[in-house]
Amino acid sequence: MADACWVLTDEYGGGRDEPVVAHYLTETRAKDAARPDGYRPRQLDAPCLTLTCSCCEEPLQDDDYGHAIHLADQAEATEIASAYDWTLTDGVATCPTCVTGPCDREADTHG
């Protein structure tokens, strides 16, 4: 199982007031991203879920910010996958481009 992500919080445990909360895979990366404005790294209590296309291996990303979307649980993963027109069947995710196919990583074709 993956380690829990790191986020940046203020002295009261609150996050930055941003539309997308950045998640970091390591404490070092979170520390590197922290500005000298009082925010410090905090590891989440549980690992996040992320979705990666089983064909092209691209992560499910926020359209506006280009960050991989981190999900709290399987129910949220199912809801968000549907909102982004991804299929999620038996834990296998496929992006909308690859659903319409063909997707061939070897030939560098995507959709």
N, C-alpha and C. Protein backbone atom coordinates (compact mmCIF):
# COMPACT_ATOMS: atom_id res chain seq x y z
N MET A 1 0.84 -1.18 0.00
CA MET A 1 0.00 0.00 0.00
C MET A 1 0.88 1.24 0.00
N ALA A 2 0.44 2.26 -0.70
CA ALA A 2 1.20 3.49 -0.82
C ALA A 2 1.16 4.27 0.50
N ASP A 3 2.19 5.10 0.69
CA ASP A 3 2.21 5.98 1.84
C ASP A 3 1.20 7.10 1.63
N ALA A 4 0.74 7.67 2.72
CA ALA A 4 -0.19 8.80 2.64
C ALA A 4 0.54 10.01 2.07
N CYS A 5 -0.20 10.83 1.33
CA CYS A 5 0.35 12.04 0.75
C CYS A 5 0.62 13.08 1.83
N TRP A 6 1.37 14.10 1.44
CA TRP A 6 1.66 15.25 2.29
C TRP A 6 0.95 16.47 1.70
N VAL A 7 0.45 17.35 2.56
CA VAL A 7 -0.15 18.62 2.15
C VAL A 7 0.50 19.72 2.99
N LEU A 8 0.27 20.96 2.61
CA LEU A 8 0.78 22.10 3.37
C LEU A 8 -0.35 22.69 4.19
N THR A 9 -0.11 22.90 5.49
CA THR A 9 -1.12 23.44 6.38
C THR A 9 -0.55 24.61 7.18
N ASP A 10 -1.47 25.43 7.71
CA ASP A 10 -1.03 26.53 8.57
C ASP A 10 -0.87 26.02 10.00
N GLU A 11 -0.57 26.92 10.92
CA GLU A 11 -0.32 26.51 12.30
C GLU A 11 -1.55 25.90 12.98
N TYR A 12 -2.74 26.12 12.40
CA TYR A 12 -3.97 25.58 12.96
C TYR A 12 -4.44 24.31 12.26
N GLY A 13 -3.66 23.86 11.28
CA GLY A 13 -3.99 22.64 10.54
C GLY A 13 -4.82 22.87 9.30
N GLY A 14 -5.13 24.13 9.00
CA GLY A 14 -5.91 24.45 7.81
C GLY A 14 -5.02 24.54 6.59
N GLY A 15 -5.59 24.26 5.44
CA GLY A 15 -4.83 24.32 4.19
C GLY A 15 -4.87 25.71 3.59
N ARG A 16 -4.07 25.88 2.57
CA ARG A 16 -4.09 27.13 1.83
C ARG A 16 -5.44 27.30 1.16
N ASP A 17 -5.86 28.55 1.00
CA ASP A 17 -7.13 28.84 0.35
C ASP A 17 -6.91 28.86 -1.16
N GLU A 18 -6.84 27.67 -1.75
CA GLU A 18 -6.59 27.51 -3.17
C GLU A 18 -7.64 26.57 -3.75
N PRO A 19 -7.96 26.72 -5.03
CA PRO A 19 -8.98 25.84 -5.62
C PRO A 19 -8.56 24.38 -5.66
N VAL A 20 -7.28 24.12 -5.79
CA VAL A 20 -6.78 22.74 -5.83
C VAL A 20 -5.72 22.60 -4.74
N VAL A 21 -5.92 21.64 -3.85
CA VAL A 21 -4.94 21.41 -2.79
C VAL A 21 -3.88 20.47 -3.33
N ALA A 22 -2.66 20.96 -3.36
CA ALA A 22 -1.56 20.15 -3.88
C ALA A 22 -1.22 19.03 -2.90
N HIS A 23 -0.97 17.85 -3.44
CA HIS A 23 -0.53 16.71 -2.65
C HIS A 23 0.89 16.38 -3.07
N TYR A 24 1.71 15.99 -2.12
CA TYR A 24 3.10 15.65 -2.37
C TYR A 24 3.35 14.23 -1.90
N LEU A 25 4.15 13.51 -2.66
CA LEU A 25 4.38 12.10 -2.33
C LEU A 25 5.36 11.92 -1.18
N THR A 26 6.21 12.92 -0.94
CA THR A 26 7.19 12.81 0.14
C THR A 26 7.21 14.09 0.96
N GLU A 27 7.67 13.98 2.19
CA GLU A 27 7.82 15.16 3.04
C GLU A 27 8.81 16.14 2.45
N THR A 28 9.87 15.61 1.85
CA THR A 28 10.89 16.47 1.24
C THR A 28 10.29 17.34 0.14
N ARG A 29 9.46 16.74 -0.72
CA ARG A 29 8.83 17.52 -1.79
C ARG A 29 7.89 18.58 -1.21
N ALA A 30 7.17 18.23 -0.17
CA ALA A 30 6.28 19.20 0.47
C ALA A 30 7.09 20.35 1.07
N LYS A 31 8.19 20.02 1.73
CA LYS A 31 9.05 21.07 2.31
C LYS A 31 9.61 21.97 1.22
N ASP A 32 10.00 21.37 0.10
CA ASP A 32 10.54 22.16 -1.01
C ASP A 32 9.49 23.12 -1.57
N ALA A 33 8.22 22.71 -1.54
CA ALA A 33 7.14 23.53 -2.09
C ALA A 33 6.67 24.60 -1.11
N ALA A 34 6.96 24.41 0.16
CA ALA A 34 6.50 25.36 1.18
C ALA A 34 7.24 26.68 1.03
N ARG A 35 6.47 27.74 1.08
CA ARG A 35 7.07 29.08 1.05
C ARG A 35 7.23 29.52 2.50
N PRO A 36 8.08 30.50 2.73
CA PRO A 36 8.26 30.96 4.11
C PRO A 36 7.09 31.82 4.59
N ASP A 37 5.87 31.25 4.52
CA ASP A 37 4.68 32.00 4.90
C ASP A 37 3.91 31.33 6.03
N GLY A 38 4.59 30.48 6.77
CA GLY A 38 3.95 29.84 7.91
C GLY A 38 3.32 28.49 7.62
N TYR A 39 3.28 28.06 6.36
CA TYR A 39 2.71 26.76 6.04
C TYR A 39 3.78 25.68 6.18
N ARG A 40 3.36 24.53 6.69
CA ARG A 40 4.32 23.45 6.89
C ARG A 40 3.70 22.12 6.44
N PRO A 41 4.55 21.17 6.11
CA PRO A 41 4.04 19.87 5.65
C PRO A 41 3.33 19.09 6.75
N ARG A 42 2.25 18.40 6.35
CA ARG A 42 1.53 17.49 7.25
C ARG A 42 1.13 16.28 6.43
N GLN A 43 1.42 15.09 6.96
CA GLN A 43 1.04 13.87 6.25
C GLN A 43 -0.42 13.56 6.55
N LEU A 44 -1.16 13.19 5.50
CA LEU A 44 -2.55 12.82 5.66
C LEU A 44 -2.66 11.52 6.45
N ASP A 45 -3.81 11.30 7.02
CA ASP A 45 -4.02 10.11 7.85
C ASP A 45 -4.04 8.81 7.06
N ALA A 46 -4.46 8.87 5.80
CA ALA A 46 -4.58 7.66 4.99
C ALA A 46 -4.10 7.96 3.56
N PRO A 47 -3.65 6.94 2.85
CA PRO A 47 -3.24 7.15 1.46
C PRO A 47 -4.41 7.60 0.59
N CYS A 48 -4.11 8.38 -0.42
CA CYS A 48 -5.11 8.82 -1.39
C CYS A 48 -5.20 7.78 -2.50
N LEU A 49 -6.31 7.82 -3.20
CA LEU A 49 -6.45 7.03 -4.42
C LEU A 49 -6.22 7.97 -5.59
N THR A 50 -5.57 7.49 -6.62
CA THR A 50 -5.46 8.21 -7.88
C THR A 50 -5.86 7.24 -8.97
N LEU A 51 -6.34 7.76 -10.09
CA LEU A 51 -6.72 6.91 -11.21
C LEU A 51 -5.74 7.13 -12.34
N THR A 52 -5.28 6.04 -12.93
CA THR A 52 -4.38 6.08 -14.07
C THR A 52 -5.00 5.21 -15.15
N CYS A 53 -5.02 5.71 -16.38
CA CYS A 53 -5.61 4.97 -17.49
C CYS A 53 -4.84 3.66 -17.70
N SER A 54 -5.57 2.58 -17.80
CA SER A 54 -4.96 1.26 -17.97
C SER A 54 -4.32 1.11 -19.35
N CYS A 55 -4.65 2.00 -20.27
CA CYS A 55 -4.09 1.90 -21.62
C CYS A 55 -2.92 2.87 -21.81
N CYS A 56 -3.19 4.16 -21.69
CA CYS A 56 -2.16 5.16 -22.00
C CYS A 56 -1.33 5.56 -20.78
N GLU A 57 -1.75 5.13 -19.60
CA GLU A 57 -1.06 5.39 -18.34
C GLU A 57 -1.06 6.86 -17.92
N GLU A 58 -1.97 7.65 -18.48
CA GLU A 58 -2.11 9.04 -18.06
C GLU A 58 -2.97 9.09 -16.81
N PRO A 59 -2.62 9.96 -15.86
CA PRO A 59 -3.45 10.09 -14.66
C PRO A 59 -4.70 10.92 -14.92
N LEU A 60 -5.73 10.69 -14.14
CA LEU A 60 -6.91 11.55 -14.17
C LEU A 60 -6.47 12.88 -13.58
N GLN A 61 -6.57 13.95 -14.38
CA GLN A 61 -6.07 15.25 -13.96
C GLN A 61 -7.17 16.29 -13.92
N ASP A 62 -6.98 17.29 -13.08
CA ASP A 62 -7.87 18.44 -13.06
C ASP A 62 -7.65 19.21 -14.35
N ASP A 63 -8.73 19.48 -15.09
CA ASP A 63 -8.61 20.14 -16.38
C ASP A 63 -7.99 21.53 -16.29
N ASP A 64 -8.26 22.25 -15.22
CA ASP A 64 -7.78 23.62 -15.10
C ASP A 64 -6.34 23.72 -14.60
N TYR A 65 -5.93 22.79 -13.76
CA TYR A 65 -4.63 22.91 -13.11
C TYR A 65 -3.61 21.86 -13.52
N GLY A 66 -4.05 20.80 -14.17
CA GLY A 66 -3.13 19.79 -14.65
C GLY A 66 -2.52 18.91 -13.57
N HIS A 67 -3.09 18.92 -12.38
CA HIS A 67 -2.60 18.08 -11.29
C HIS A 67 -3.41 16.79 -11.26
N ALA A 68 -2.75 15.69 -10.93
CA ALA A 68 -3.48 14.45 -10.74
C ALA A 68 -4.47 14.66 -9.60
N ILE A 69 -5.67 14.16 -9.78
CA ILE A 69 -6.71 14.29 -8.76
C ILE A 69 -6.53 13.19 -7.72
N HIS A 70 -6.47 13.59 -6.47
CA HIS A 70 -6.34 12.64 -5.36
C HIS A 70 -7.71 12.45 -4.75
N LEU A 71 -8.08 11.20 -4.54
CA LEU A 71 -9.42 10.84 -4.10
C LEU A 71 -9.38 10.17 -2.74
N ALA A 72 -10.40 10.42 -1.94
CA ALA A 72 -10.42 9.91 -0.57
C ALA A 72 -10.74 8.43 -0.49
N ASP A 73 -11.63 7.94 -1.38
CA ASP A 73 -12.06 6.55 -1.28
C ASP A 73 -12.64 6.08 -2.62
N GLN A 74 -13.05 4.83 -2.66
CA GLN A 74 -13.57 4.24 -3.90
C GLN A 74 -14.85 4.91 -4.36
N ALA A 75 -15.71 5.31 -3.43
CA ALA A 75 -16.95 5.98 -3.80
C ALA A 75 -16.66 7.30 -4.51
N GLU A 76 -15.71 8.06 -3.98
CA GLU A 76 -15.33 9.32 -4.62
C GLU A 76 -14.67 9.06 -5.97
N ALA A 77 -13.87 8.01 -6.06
CA ALA A 77 -13.22 7.66 -7.33
C ALA A 77 -14.27 7.36 -8.40
N THR A 78 -15.30 6.62 -8.04
CA THR A 78 -16.37 6.28 -8.98
C THR A 78 -17.10 7.55 -9.43
N GLU A 79 -17.41 8.42 -8.49
CA GLU A 79 -18.12 9.66 -8.80
C GLU A 79 -17.30 10.58 -9.71
N ILE A 80 -16.03 10.77 -9.37
CA ILE A 80 -15.18 11.68 -10.15
C ILE A 80 -14.86 11.08 -11.52
N ALA A 81 -14.63 9.78 -11.59
CA ALA A 81 -14.37 9.14 -12.88
C ALA A 81 -15.53 9.39 -13.82
N SER A 82 -16.73 9.24 -13.33
CA SER A 82 -17.91 9.47 -14.15
C SER A 82 -18.00 10.93 -14.59
N ALA A 83 -17.71 11.85 -13.68
CA ALA A 83 -17.77 13.28 -14.01
C ALA A 83 -16.78 13.66 -15.11
N TYR A 84 -15.67 12.94 -15.19
CA TYR A 84 -14.65 13.21 -16.21
C TYR A 84 -14.77 12.27 -17.41
N ASP A 85 -15.87 11.53 -17.49
CA ASP A 85 -16.14 10.60 -18.59
C ASP A 85 -15.13 9.46 -18.69
N TRP A 86 -14.55 9.08 -17.58
CA TRP A 86 -13.69 7.91 -17.51
C TRP A 86 -14.57 6.71 -17.19
N THR A 87 -14.12 5.53 -17.60
CA THR A 87 -14.79 4.32 -17.15
C THR A 87 -13.97 3.72 -16.02
N LEU A 88 -14.65 3.16 -15.05
CA LEU A 88 -14.01 2.51 -13.92
C LEU A 88 -14.78 1.23 -13.66
N THR A 89 -14.20 0.12 -14.10
CA THR A 89 -14.86 -1.17 -13.98
C THR A 89 -13.93 -2.14 -13.27
N ASP A 90 -14.42 -2.69 -12.18
CA ASP A 90 -13.63 -3.65 -11.38
C ASP A 90 -12.23 -3.12 -11.06
N GLY A 91 -12.15 -1.82 -10.74
CA GLY A 91 -10.88 -1.22 -10.37
C GLY A 91 -9.97 -0.85 -11.53
N VAL A 92 -10.43 -1.05 -12.76
CA VAL A 92 -9.63 -0.72 -13.95
C VAL A 92 -10.18 0.56 -14.55
N ALA A 93 -9.33 1.59 -14.62
CA ALA A 93 -9.74 2.89 -15.14
C ALA A 93 -9.29 3.05 -16.59
N THR A 94 -10.15 3.71 -17.38
CA THR A 94 -9.82 4.00 -18.78
C THR A 94 -10.28 5.42 -19.08
N CYS A 95 -9.37 6.22 -19.66
CA CYS A 95 -9.71 7.60 -19.99
C CYS A 95 -10.66 7.63 -21.19
N PRO A 96 -11.37 8.74 -21.40
CA PRO A 96 -12.35 8.79 -22.49
C PRO A 96 -11.72 8.64 -23.87
N THR A 97 -10.50 9.10 -24.04
CA THR A 97 -9.84 8.95 -25.34
C THR A 97 -9.57 7.49 -25.65
N CYS A 98 -9.08 6.75 -24.67
CA CYS A 98 -8.77 5.34 -24.89
C CYS A 98 -10.04 4.48 -24.97
N VAL A 99 -11.12 4.93 -24.34
CA VAL A 99 -12.37 4.19 -24.44
C VAL A 99 -12.82 4.14 -25.89
N THR A 100 -12.66 5.26 -26.60
CA THR A 100 -13.05 5.30 -28.01
C THR A 100 -12.00 4.69 -28.91
N GLY A 101 -10.75 4.52 -28.39
CA GLY A 101 -9.65 3.80 -29.03
C GLY A 101 -9.35 4.22 -30.45
N PRO A 102 -8.43 3.57 -31.10
CA PRO A 102 -7.53 2.61 -30.46
C PRO A 102 -6.44 3.31 -29.67
N CYS A 103 -5.95 2.64 -28.70
CA CYS A 103 -4.83 3.15 -27.90
C CYS A 103 -3.71 2.15 -28.01
N ASP A 104 -2.60 2.60 -28.52
CA ASP A 104 -1.45 1.71 -28.68
C ASP A 104 -0.21 2.47 -28.24
N ARG A 105 0.22 2.21 -27.01
CA ARG A 105 1.39 2.93 -26.48
C ARG A 105 2.64 2.66 -27.30
N GLU A 106 2.80 1.44 -27.79
CA GLU A 106 3.99 1.10 -28.57
C GLU A 106 4.08 1.95 -29.83
N ALA A 107 2.94 2.20 -30.46
CA ALA A 107 2.93 2.99 -31.70
C ALA A 107 2.75 4.48 -31.41
N ASP A 108 2.69 4.85 -30.13
CA ASP A 108 2.51 6.23 -29.71
C ASP A 108 1.24 6.84 -30.27
N THR A 109 0.18 6.06 -30.31
CA THR A 109 -1.12 6.60 -30.72
C THR A 109 -2.03 6.61 -29.51
N HIS A 110 -2.80 7.64 -29.42
CA HIS A 110 -3.71 7.81 -28.29
C HIS A 110 -5.05 8.25 -28.84
N GLY A 111 -5.97 7.30 -28.93
CA GLY A 111 -7.32 7.59 -29.41
C GLY A 111 -7.43 7.64 -30.91
